Amino acid sequence: MRITSKGQVTIPTDIRQRAGLLPNTEVEFEYIDKIVRLKKVKNAAQRGKRLVQNMKGRATVKMTTDDILALTRG
């Protein structure tokens, strides 16, 4: 199996079926002791909340929402 230049790989059908990985299934990756593990996200509905939590406090530009909107609306 080869990883494409975009970082994509095809999971074999039998493994997808046994793991219950249907189209649009949310998955996550773990890297522990040089092993990469792919697993199904248990609470996919909570994904948005997790993403927001991970991004909180990471902004490097001090702009207000109005400033950002003014930039995007030209």
N, C-alpha and C. Protein backbone atom coordinates (compact mmCIF):
# COMPACT_ATOMS: atom_id res chain seq x y z
N MET A 1 0.86 -1.17 0.00
CA MET A 1 0.00 0.00 0.00
C MET A 1 0.90 1.23 0.00
N ARG A 2 0.59 2.20 -0.83
CA ARG A 2 1.37 3.43 -0.90
C ARG A 2 0.53 4.62 -0.50
N ILE A 3 1.16 5.58 0.12
CA ILE A 3 0.50 6.83 0.46
C ILE A 3 0.69 7.77 -0.72
N THR A 4 -0.39 8.44 -1.16
CA THR A 4 -0.30 9.37 -2.28
C THR A 4 0.41 10.65 -1.86
N SER A 5 0.70 11.50 -2.83
CA SER A 5 1.35 12.77 -2.54
C SER A 5 0.46 13.67 -1.68
N LYS A 6 -0.85 13.38 -1.67
CA LYS A 6 -1.79 14.14 -0.84
C LYS A 6 -1.96 13.51 0.55
N GLY A 7 -1.22 12.44 0.83
CA GLY A 7 -1.32 11.79 2.13
C GLY A 7 -2.48 10.83 2.23
N GLN A 8 -3.02 10.41 1.10
CA GLN A 8 -4.18 9.53 1.11
C GLN A 8 -3.77 8.08 0.93
N VAL A 9 -4.57 7.20 1.52
CA VAL A 9 -4.35 5.77 1.39
C VAL A 9 -5.72 5.10 1.32
N THR A 10 -5.82 4.00 0.59
CA THR A 10 -7.08 3.27 0.50
C THR A 10 -7.10 2.17 1.55
N ILE A 11 -8.14 2.17 2.38
CA ILE A 11 -8.29 1.11 3.38
C ILE A 11 -8.97 -0.06 2.67
N PRO A 12 -8.37 -1.25 2.72
CA PRO A 12 -8.96 -2.40 2.04
C PRO A 12 -10.41 -2.66 2.49
N THR A 13 -11.23 -3.10 1.55
CA THR A 13 -12.66 -3.30 1.78
C THR A 13 -12.94 -4.20 2.98
N ASP A 14 -12.23 -5.33 3.09
CA ASP A 14 -12.52 -6.25 4.20
C ASP A 14 -12.24 -5.61 5.56
N ILE A 15 -11.21 -4.78 5.64
CA ILE A 15 -10.90 -4.10 6.90
C ILE A 15 -11.96 -3.05 7.20
N ARG A 16 -12.38 -2.27 6.17
CA ARG A 16 -13.43 -1.27 6.38
C ARG A 16 -14.71 -1.93 6.87
N GLN A 17 -15.07 -3.05 6.26
CA GLN A 17 -16.31 -3.74 6.65
C GLN A 17 -16.22 -4.27 8.08
N ARG A 18 -15.12 -4.91 8.42
CA ARG A 18 -14.97 -5.46 9.77
C ARG A 18 -14.95 -4.38 10.84
N ALA A 19 -14.40 -3.20 10.47
CA ALA A 19 -14.31 -2.10 11.44
C ALA A 19 -15.55 -1.21 11.44
N GLY A 20 -16.47 -1.47 10.51
CA GLY A 20 -17.68 -0.65 10.43
C GLY A 20 -17.40 0.76 9.93
N LEU A 21 -16.42 0.91 9.05
CA LEU A 21 -16.07 2.21 8.51
C LEU A 21 -16.85 2.46 7.22
N LEU A 22 -18.02 3.01 7.38
CA LEU A 22 -18.88 3.32 6.25
C LEU A 22 -18.50 4.68 5.68
N PRO A 23 -18.95 5.00 4.45
CA PRO A 23 -18.69 6.33 3.92
C PRO A 23 -19.16 7.42 4.89
N ASN A 24 -18.39 8.47 5.01
CA ASN A 24 -18.65 9.62 5.90
C ASN A 24 -18.47 9.32 7.38
N THR A 25 -17.90 8.17 7.72
CA THR A 25 -17.60 7.86 9.11
C THR A 25 -16.46 8.77 9.57
N GLU A 26 -16.61 9.40 10.72
CA GLU A 26 -15.55 10.24 11.28
C GLU A 26 -14.50 9.33 11.92
N VAL A 27 -13.23 9.59 11.60
CA VAL A 27 -12.13 8.83 12.18
C VAL A 27 -11.09 9.79 12.73
N GLU A 28 -10.24 9.27 13.59
CA GLU A 28 -9.13 10.07 14.10
C GLU A 28 -7.88 9.22 14.13
N PHE A 29 -6.74 9.87 14.16
CA PHE A 29 -5.47 9.18 14.17
C PHE A 29 -4.77 9.41 15.50
N GLU A 30 -4.07 8.38 15.95
CA GLU A 30 -3.24 8.47 17.14
C GLU A 30 -1.84 8.03 16.77
N TYR A 31 -0.85 8.63 17.37
CA TYR A 31 0.54 8.21 17.17
C TYR A 31 1.13 7.92 18.53
N ILE A 32 1.36 6.63 18.79
CA ILE A 32 1.87 6.20 20.08
C ILE A 32 3.01 5.20 19.85
N ASP A 33 4.17 5.51 20.39
CA ASP A 33 5.31 4.60 20.29
C ASP A 33 5.58 4.13 18.86
N LYS A 34 5.63 5.07 17.94
CA LYS A 34 5.92 4.80 16.52
C LYS A 34 4.85 3.98 15.82
N ILE A 35 3.66 3.90 16.39
CA ILE A 35 2.55 3.19 15.77
C ILE A 35 1.45 4.19 15.47
N VAL A 36 0.96 4.17 14.23
CA VAL A 36 -0.16 5.03 13.84
C VAL A 36 -1.43 4.20 13.91
N ARG A 37 -2.40 4.69 14.65
CA ARG A 37 -3.66 3.97 14.82
C ARG A 37 -4.80 4.83 14.29
N LEU A 38 -5.66 4.24 13.49
CA LEU A 38 -6.85 4.88 12.96
C LEU A 38 -8.03 4.31 13.73
N LYS A 39 -8.88 5.19 14.27
CA LYS A 39 -10.04 4.66 14.97
C LYS A 39 -11.27 5.53 14.72
N LYS A 40 -12.40 4.88 14.83
CA LYS A 40 -13.67 5.55 14.63
C LYS A 40 -13.92 6.52 15.78
N VAL A 41 -14.43 7.71 15.46
CA VAL A 41 -14.76 8.69 16.48
C VAL A 41 -16.05 8.25 17.14
N LYS A 42 -16.04 8.15 18.46
CA LYS A 42 -17.23 7.68 19.17
C LYS A 42 -18.34 8.71 19.18
N ASN A 43 -18.00 9.96 19.46
CA ASN A 43 -19.00 11.02 19.52
C ASN A 43 -18.76 12.02 18.40
N ALA A 44 -19.03 11.60 17.17
CA ALA A 44 -18.77 12.46 16.02
C ALA A 44 -19.55 13.75 16.11
N ALA A 45 -20.71 13.74 16.78
CA ALA A 45 -21.52 14.95 16.91
C ALA A 45 -20.79 16.00 17.72
N GLN A 46 -19.84 15.60 18.54
CA GLN A 46 -19.08 16.51 19.39
C GLN A 46 -17.82 17.04 18.69
N ARG A 47 -17.61 16.64 17.44
CA ARG A 47 -16.38 16.99 16.73
C ARG A 47 -16.18 18.50 16.65
N GLY A 48 -17.23 19.23 16.32
CA GLY A 48 -17.13 20.68 16.22
C GLY A 48 -16.68 21.32 17.51
N LYS A 49 -17.23 20.85 18.62
CA LYS A 49 -16.84 21.38 19.92
C LYS A 49 -15.36 21.11 20.21
N ARG A 50 -14.90 19.91 19.86
CA ARG A 50 -13.49 19.57 20.08
C ARG A 50 -12.58 20.45 19.22
N LEU A 51 -12.98 20.69 17.98
CA LEU A 51 -12.17 21.54 17.10
C LEU A 51 -12.06 22.95 17.65
N VAL A 52 -13.17 23.49 18.11
CA VAL A 52 -13.16 24.84 18.67
C VAL A 52 -12.28 24.88 19.91
N GLN A 53 -12.38 23.89 20.78
CA GLN A 53 -11.56 23.83 21.99
C GLN A 53 -10.07 23.81 21.63
N ASN A 54 -9.72 23.02 20.61
CA ASN A 54 -8.32 22.93 20.20
C ASN A 54 -7.80 24.22 19.61
N MET A 55 -8.66 25.01 19.00
CA MET A 55 -8.23 26.26 18.37
C MET A 55 -8.23 27.45 19.32
N LYS A 56 -8.93 27.35 20.43
CA LYS A 56 -9.03 28.46 21.38
C LYS A 56 -7.65 28.93 21.82
N GLY A 57 -7.45 30.24 21.74
CA GLY A 57 -6.20 30.83 22.20
C GLY A 57 -5.04 30.71 21.23
N ARG A 58 -5.27 30.22 20.03
CA ARG A 58 -4.17 30.03 19.07
C ARG A 58 -4.04 31.17 18.07
N ALA A 59 -4.98 32.08 18.05
CA ALA A 59 -4.93 33.18 17.09
C ALA A 59 -3.72 34.06 17.37
N THR A 60 -3.08 34.50 16.29
CA THR A 60 -1.90 35.35 16.44
C THR A 60 -2.17 36.78 16.00
N VAL A 61 -3.31 37.02 15.37
CA VAL A 61 -3.66 38.35 14.89
C VAL A 61 -4.74 38.91 15.81
N LYS A 62 -4.50 40.12 16.30
CA LYS A 62 -5.47 40.75 17.19
C LYS A 62 -6.43 41.61 16.37
N MET A 63 -7.46 40.99 15.86
CA MET A 63 -8.46 41.71 15.07
C MET A 63 -9.84 41.42 15.66
N THR A 64 -10.70 42.40 15.55
CA THR A 64 -12.07 42.19 16.00
C THR A 64 -12.83 41.49 14.88
N THR A 65 -13.98 40.98 15.21
CA THR A 65 -14.84 40.36 14.19
C THR A 65 -15.19 41.37 13.12
N ASP A 66 -15.46 42.61 13.49
CA ASP A 66 -15.79 43.64 12.52
C ASP A 66 -14.61 43.91 11.57
N ASP A 67 -13.39 43.90 12.09
CA ASP A 67 -12.21 44.09 11.26
C ASP A 67 -12.09 42.97 10.22
N ILE A 68 -12.29 41.74 10.67
CA ILE A 68 -12.20 40.59 9.78
C ILE A 68 -13.27 40.65 8.71
N LEU A 69 -14.51 40.97 9.10
CA LEU A 69 -15.59 41.08 8.13
C LEU A 69 -15.32 42.17 7.11
N ALA A 70 -14.77 43.28 7.55
CA ALA A 70 -14.44 44.37 6.62
C ALA A 70 -13.40 43.90 5.58
N LEU A 71 -12.44 43.11 6.00
CA LEU A 71 -11.44 42.59 5.08
C LEU A 71 -12.05 41.62 4.07
N THR A 72 -12.94 40.77 4.53
CA THR A 72 -13.52 39.76 3.64
C THR A 72 -14.55 40.34 2.69
N ARG A 73 -15.11 41.47 3.04
CA ARG A 73 -16.13 42.09 2.18
C ARG A 73 -15.56 43.16 1.27
N GLY A 74 -14.25 43.37 1.37
CA GLY A 74 -13.54 44.25 0.47
C GLY A 74 -13.97 45.68 0.54
